[in-house]
Amino acid sequence: MSLRPFALCLTGVVLATSALADELFDQGKAVFTREAQPSCSLCHTLADAGATGAIGPNLDQLRPNEERVRLAVTGGVGIMPPFADSLSEAQIRAVAHYVATATGAGD
């Protein structure tokens, strides 16, 4: 019995998962740079987004994981306002994924 069809099937799953992850990354970048009001890039530094804000933490240095970003965006932190009423759960999930991935959190 050949394992080749099984290997091809698994490769397809990996590629599909990667494509979905890339889509979520792109959606999150759009939230970070344009959709959130005020824009995350206004306050935060994040190299991948070309953001050089100096009000909030430098996310490249902080390297927050997805859960930390999700909680901060949902409920606010310090002077950062909560975005739970202005962003959908899907947008919050996407921006959390984007920030964590772009900063290499968990690497």
N, C-alpha and C. Protein backbone atom coordinates (compact mmCIF):
# COMPACT_ATOMS: atom_id res chain seq x y z
N MET A 1 0.83 -1.18 0.00
CA MET A 1 0.00 0.00 0.00
C MET A 1 0.88 1.25 0.00
N SER A 2 0.58 2.15 -0.89
CA SER A 2 1.36 3.37 -1.01
C SER A 2 0.82 4.45 -0.07
N LEU A 3 1.72 5.19 0.53
CA LEU A 3 1.32 6.30 1.39
C LEU A 3 1.27 7.62 0.61
N ARG A 4 1.61 7.56 -0.66
CA ARG A 4 1.67 8.78 -1.46
C ARG A 4 0.34 9.56 -1.49
N PRO A 5 -0.82 8.92 -1.73
CA PRO A 5 -2.07 9.69 -1.70
C PRO A 5 -2.31 10.36 -0.35
N PHE A 6 -1.95 9.66 0.73
CA PHE A 6 -2.11 10.21 2.08
C PHE A 6 -1.20 11.43 2.24
N ALA A 7 0.04 11.32 1.77
CA ALA A 7 0.99 12.44 1.87
C ALA A 7 0.50 13.63 1.05
N LEU A 8 -0.04 13.36 -0.12
CA LEU A 8 -0.57 14.44 -0.94
C LEU A 8 -1.76 15.10 -0.27
N CYS A 9 -2.59 14.31 0.37
CA CYS A 9 -3.75 14.84 1.09
C CYS A 9 -3.28 15.74 2.23
N LEU A 10 -2.29 15.30 2.99
CA LEU A 10 -1.77 16.11 4.08
C LEU A 10 -1.14 17.39 3.56
N THR A 11 -0.45 17.32 2.44
CA THR A 11 0.14 18.51 1.84
C THR A 11 -0.95 19.50 1.48
N GLY A 12 -2.05 19.00 0.94
CA GLY A 12 -3.17 19.87 0.61
C GLY A 12 -3.75 20.54 1.83
N VAL A 13 -3.83 19.82 2.94
CA VAL A 13 -4.33 20.39 4.19
C VAL A 13 -3.39 21.48 4.67
N VAL A 14 -2.10 21.24 4.63
CA VAL A 14 -1.11 22.23 5.05
C VAL A 14 -1.21 23.47 4.17
N LEU A 15 -1.30 23.29 2.86
CA LEU A 15 -1.41 24.43 1.96
C LEU A 15 -2.70 25.20 2.20
N ALA A 16 -3.79 24.52 2.41
CA ALA A 16 -5.06 25.19 2.68
C ALA A 16 -4.99 25.96 3.99
N THR A 17 -4.38 25.38 5.00
CA THR A 17 -4.24 26.05 6.29
C THR A 17 -3.34 27.27 6.14
N SER A 18 -2.26 27.15 5.38
CA SER A 18 -1.36 28.29 5.15
C SER A 18 -2.08 29.40 4.42
N ALA A 19 -2.89 29.07 3.43
CA ALA A 19 -3.63 30.08 2.68
C ALA A 19 -4.61 30.80 3.59
N LEU A 20 -5.30 30.06 4.47
CA LEU A 20 -6.22 30.70 5.40
C LEU A 20 -5.47 31.60 6.38
N ALA A 21 -4.32 31.15 6.85
CA ALA A 21 -3.52 31.95 7.76
C ALA A 21 -3.06 33.23 7.07
N ASP A 22 -2.63 33.15 5.82
CA ASP A 22 -2.20 34.33 5.09
C ASP A 22 -3.36 35.30 4.91
N GLU A 23 -4.56 34.77 4.66
CA GLU A 23 -5.74 35.61 4.51
C GLU A 23 -6.05 36.32 5.82
N LEU A 24 -5.96 35.63 6.92
CA LEU A 24 -6.19 36.23 8.23
C LEU A 24 -5.14 37.29 8.53
N PHE A 25 -3.90 37.03 8.15
CA PHE A 25 -2.81 37.99 8.32
C PHE A 25 -3.13 39.27 7.53
N ASP A 26 -3.53 39.12 6.27
CA ASP A 26 -3.85 40.27 5.43
C ASP A 26 -5.05 41.04 5.99
N GLN A 27 -6.06 40.31 6.47
CA GLN A 27 -7.23 40.98 7.07
C GLN A 27 -6.81 41.76 8.31
N GLY A 28 -5.95 41.16 9.11
CA GLY A 28 -5.48 41.83 10.32
C GLY A 28 -4.66 43.07 10.02
N LYS A 29 -3.86 43.00 8.98
CA LYS A 29 -3.07 44.17 8.60
C LYS A 29 -3.98 45.31 8.17
N ALA A 30 -5.06 44.98 7.47
CA ALA A 30 -6.02 46.01 7.06
C ALA A 30 -6.68 46.64 8.28
N VAL A 31 -7.01 45.83 9.29
CA VAL A 31 -7.59 46.37 10.52
C VAL A 31 -6.58 47.29 11.19
N PHE A 32 -5.34 46.85 11.30
CA PHE A 32 -4.29 47.60 11.98
C PHE A 32 -4.03 48.95 11.30
N THR A 33 -3.98 48.94 9.98
CA THR A 33 -3.58 50.14 9.24
C THR A 33 -4.73 51.05 8.81
N ARG A 34 -5.94 50.48 8.61
CA ARG A 34 -7.02 51.30 8.03
C ARG A 34 -8.37 51.20 8.74
N GLU A 35 -8.76 50.01 9.15
CA GLU A 35 -10.14 49.81 9.58
C GLU A 35 -10.42 50.26 11.00
N ALA A 36 -9.49 50.07 11.90
CA ALA A 36 -9.68 50.53 13.28
C ALA A 36 -9.62 52.06 13.28
N GLN A 37 -10.52 52.67 14.01
CA GLN A 37 -10.53 54.12 14.12
C GLN A 37 -10.52 54.52 15.59
N PRO A 38 -9.47 55.16 16.07
CA PRO A 38 -8.28 55.56 15.32
C PRO A 38 -7.44 54.34 14.93
N SER A 39 -6.64 54.52 13.90
CA SER A 39 -5.79 53.46 13.40
C SER A 39 -4.77 53.04 14.45
N CYS A 40 -4.51 51.76 14.53
CA CYS A 40 -3.50 51.23 15.46
C CYS A 40 -2.13 51.86 15.16
N SER A 41 -1.88 52.12 13.87
CA SER A 41 -0.58 52.66 13.45
C SER A 41 -0.36 54.09 13.93
N LEU A 42 -1.41 54.76 14.34
CA LEU A 42 -1.28 56.11 14.87
C LEU A 42 -0.49 56.10 16.18
N CYS A 43 -0.70 55.06 16.99
CA CYS A 43 -0.09 55.01 18.32
C CYS A 43 1.05 54.01 18.46
N HIS A 44 1.03 52.94 17.65
CA HIS A 44 2.00 51.86 17.83
C HIS A 44 3.03 51.79 16.71
N THR A 45 4.24 51.38 17.09
CA THR A 45 5.27 51.06 16.11
C THR A 45 5.14 49.58 15.77
N LEU A 46 5.10 49.29 14.47
CA LEU A 46 5.08 47.91 13.98
C LEU A 46 5.70 47.94 12.59
N ALA A 47 6.89 47.40 12.46
CA ALA A 47 7.66 47.48 11.22
C ALA A 47 6.90 46.94 10.02
N ASP A 48 6.24 45.80 10.15
CA ASP A 48 5.54 45.21 9.02
C ASP A 48 4.48 46.14 8.45
N ALA A 49 3.88 46.95 9.30
CA ALA A 49 2.83 47.88 8.87
C ALA A 49 3.39 49.24 8.47
N GLY A 50 4.70 49.44 8.64
CA GLY A 50 5.30 50.74 8.37
C GLY A 50 4.85 51.78 9.39
N ALA A 51 4.44 51.32 10.56
CA ALA A 51 3.91 52.19 11.60
C ALA A 51 5.01 52.64 12.55
N THR A 52 5.01 53.93 12.87
CA THR A 52 6.04 54.48 13.75
C THR A 52 5.44 55.30 14.89
N GLY A 53 4.24 54.93 15.33
CA GLY A 53 3.60 55.63 16.43
C GLY A 53 4.42 55.53 17.71
N ALA A 54 4.36 56.57 18.52
CA ALA A 54 5.16 56.61 19.74
C ALA A 54 4.33 56.78 21.00
N ILE A 55 3.01 56.68 20.88
CA ILE A 55 2.14 56.86 22.05
C ILE A 55 2.01 55.54 22.82
N GLY A 56 1.72 54.47 22.08
CA GLY A 56 1.57 53.14 22.69
C GLY A 56 2.87 52.38 22.62
N PRO A 57 2.88 51.17 23.16
CA PRO A 57 4.10 50.36 23.13
C PRO A 57 4.56 50.03 21.72
N ASN A 58 5.86 49.87 21.58
CA ASN A 58 6.45 49.40 20.33
C ASN A 58 6.16 47.89 20.26
N LEU A 59 5.29 47.51 19.34
CA LEU A 59 4.86 46.11 19.28
C LEU A 59 5.97 45.18 18.80
N ASP A 60 6.92 45.70 18.02
CA ASP A 60 8.06 44.87 17.59
C ASP A 60 8.90 44.46 18.80
N GLN A 61 8.99 45.33 19.77
CA GLN A 61 9.76 45.01 20.99
C GLN A 61 8.93 44.20 21.98
N LEU A 62 7.65 44.52 22.12
CA LEU A 62 6.78 43.85 23.07
C LEU A 62 6.48 42.41 22.65
N ARG A 63 6.30 42.18 21.35
CA ARG A 63 6.01 40.86 20.77
C ARG A 63 4.87 40.14 21.50
N PRO A 64 3.69 40.78 21.57
CA PRO A 64 2.58 40.15 22.30
C PRO A 64 1.99 38.96 21.55
N ASN A 65 1.52 37.97 22.30
CA ASN A 65 0.86 36.83 21.66
C ASN A 65 -0.57 37.23 21.29
N GLU A 66 -1.26 36.35 20.56
CA GLU A 66 -2.61 36.66 20.07
C GLU A 66 -3.58 36.97 21.21
N GLU A 67 -3.54 36.21 22.27
CA GLU A 67 -4.46 36.42 23.38
C GLU A 67 -4.25 37.79 24.01
N ARG A 68 -3.02 38.18 24.18
CA ARG A 68 -2.72 39.49 24.79
C ARG A 68 -3.24 40.62 23.91
N VAL A 69 -3.04 40.50 22.59
CA VAL A 69 -3.54 41.52 21.67
C VAL A 69 -5.06 41.55 21.69
N ARG A 70 -5.67 40.38 21.64
CA ARG A 70 -7.13 40.29 21.63
C ARG A 70 -7.72 40.97 22.87
N LEU A 71 -7.16 40.69 24.04
CA LEU A 71 -7.65 41.30 25.27
C LEU A 71 -7.45 42.81 25.28
N ALA A 72 -6.30 43.28 24.80
CA ALA A 72 -6.01 44.71 24.77
C ALA A 72 -6.96 45.44 23.81
N VAL A 73 -7.15 44.86 22.63
CA VAL A 73 -8.02 45.50 21.63
C VAL A 73 -9.48 45.48 22.10
N THR A 74 -9.90 44.40 22.69
CA THR A 74 -11.29 44.28 23.14
C THR A 74 -11.59 45.23 24.29
N GLY A 75 -10.76 45.22 25.30
CA GLY A 75 -11.07 45.97 26.52
C GLY A 75 -10.30 47.26 26.74
N GLY A 76 -9.29 47.51 25.91
CA GLY A 76 -8.44 48.68 26.11
C GLY A 76 -7.41 48.41 27.20
N VAL A 77 -6.35 49.23 27.19
CA VAL A 77 -5.29 49.13 28.19
C VAL A 77 -4.74 50.54 28.40
N GLY A 78 -4.68 50.99 29.64
CA GLY A 78 -4.16 52.33 29.91
C GLY A 78 -4.95 53.38 29.14
N ILE A 79 -4.25 54.17 28.32
CA ILE A 79 -4.93 55.20 27.54
C ILE A 79 -5.52 54.67 26.24
N MET A 80 -5.20 53.41 25.91
CA MET A 80 -5.76 52.80 24.69
C MET A 80 -7.23 52.50 24.92
N PRO A 81 -8.09 53.02 24.02
CA PRO A 81 -9.52 52.76 24.20
C PRO A 81 -9.90 51.33 23.81
N PRO A 82 -11.01 50.84 24.32
CA PRO A 82 -11.50 49.52 23.88
C PRO A 82 -12.11 49.64 22.48
N PHE A 83 -11.95 48.60 21.70
CA PHE A 83 -12.48 48.57 20.34
C PHE A 83 -13.61 47.55 20.18
N ALA A 84 -14.09 46.99 21.29
CA ALA A 84 -15.12 45.96 21.23
C ALA A 84 -16.41 46.45 20.58
N ASP A 85 -16.70 47.73 20.69
CA ASP A 85 -17.93 48.27 20.10
C ASP A 85 -17.75 48.73 18.65
N SER A 86 -16.51 48.91 18.22
CA SER A 86 -16.29 49.42 16.86
C SER A 86 -15.69 48.40 15.90
N LEU A 87 -15.14 47.31 16.42
CA LEU A 87 -14.60 46.24 15.57
C LEU A 87 -15.37 44.95 15.85
N SER A 88 -15.57 44.16 14.82
CA SER A 88 -16.23 42.86 14.99
C SER A 88 -15.27 41.88 15.65
N GLU A 89 -15.82 40.79 16.15
CA GLU A 89 -14.98 39.74 16.73
C GLU A 89 -14.00 39.21 15.69
N ALA A 90 -14.45 39.09 14.44
CA ALA A 90 -13.58 38.61 13.36
C ALA A 90 -12.44 39.59 13.11
N GLN A 91 -12.71 40.88 13.15
CA GLN A 91 -11.66 41.88 12.97
C GLN A 91 -10.66 41.84 14.11
N ILE A 92 -11.16 41.68 15.32
CA ILE A 92 -10.28 41.60 16.50
C ILE A 92 -9.41 40.35 16.42
N ARG A 93 -10.00 39.23 16.05
CA ARG A 93 -9.23 37.99 15.89
C ARG A 93 -8.16 38.17 14.81
N ALA A 94 -8.51 38.83 13.71
CA ALA A 94 -7.57 39.02 12.62
C ALA A 94 -6.41 39.94 13.03
N VAL A 95 -6.71 41.04 13.70
CA VAL A 95 -5.63 41.95 14.09
C VAL A 95 -4.74 41.32 15.15
N ALA A 96 -5.32 40.50 16.03
CA ALA A 96 -4.51 39.80 17.03
C ALA A 96 -3.56 38.82 16.35
N HIS A 97 -4.07 38.08 15.37
CA HIS A 97 -3.23 37.15 14.61
C HIS A 97 -2.14 37.92 13.86
N TYR A 98 -2.51 39.02 13.25
CA TYR A 98 -1.55 39.81 12.47
C TYR A 98 -0.40 40.32 13.36
N VAL A 99 -0.74 40.95 14.46
CA VAL A 99 0.31 41.52 15.33
C VAL A 99 1.21 40.42 15.87
N ALA A 100 0.63 39.33 16.36
CA ALA A 100 1.43 38.24 16.91
C ALA A 100 2.33 37.62 15.84
N THR A 101 1.81 37.45 14.64
CA THR A 101 2.60 36.87 13.55
C THR A 101 3.68 37.82 13.07
N ALA A 102 3.31 39.09 12.87
CA ALA A 102 4.25 40.08 12.36
C ALA A 102 5.42 40.34 13.31
N THR A 103 5.17 40.18 14.60
CA THR A 103 6.23 40.44 15.58
C THR A 103 7.00 39.18 15.96
N GLY A 104 6.55 38.03 15.47
CA GLY A 104 7.24 36.78 15.77
C GLY A 104 6.97 36.27 17.17
N ALA A 105 5.83 36.65 17.74
CA ALA A 105 5.49 36.17 19.08
C ALA A 105 5.46 34.64 19.07
N GLY A 106 6.08 34.05 20.03
CA GLY A 106 6.10 32.60 20.14
C GLY A 106 7.23 31.95 19.38
N ASP A 107 8.02 32.73 18.66
CA ASP A 107 9.18 32.15 17.95
C ASP A 107 10.27 31.76 18.92
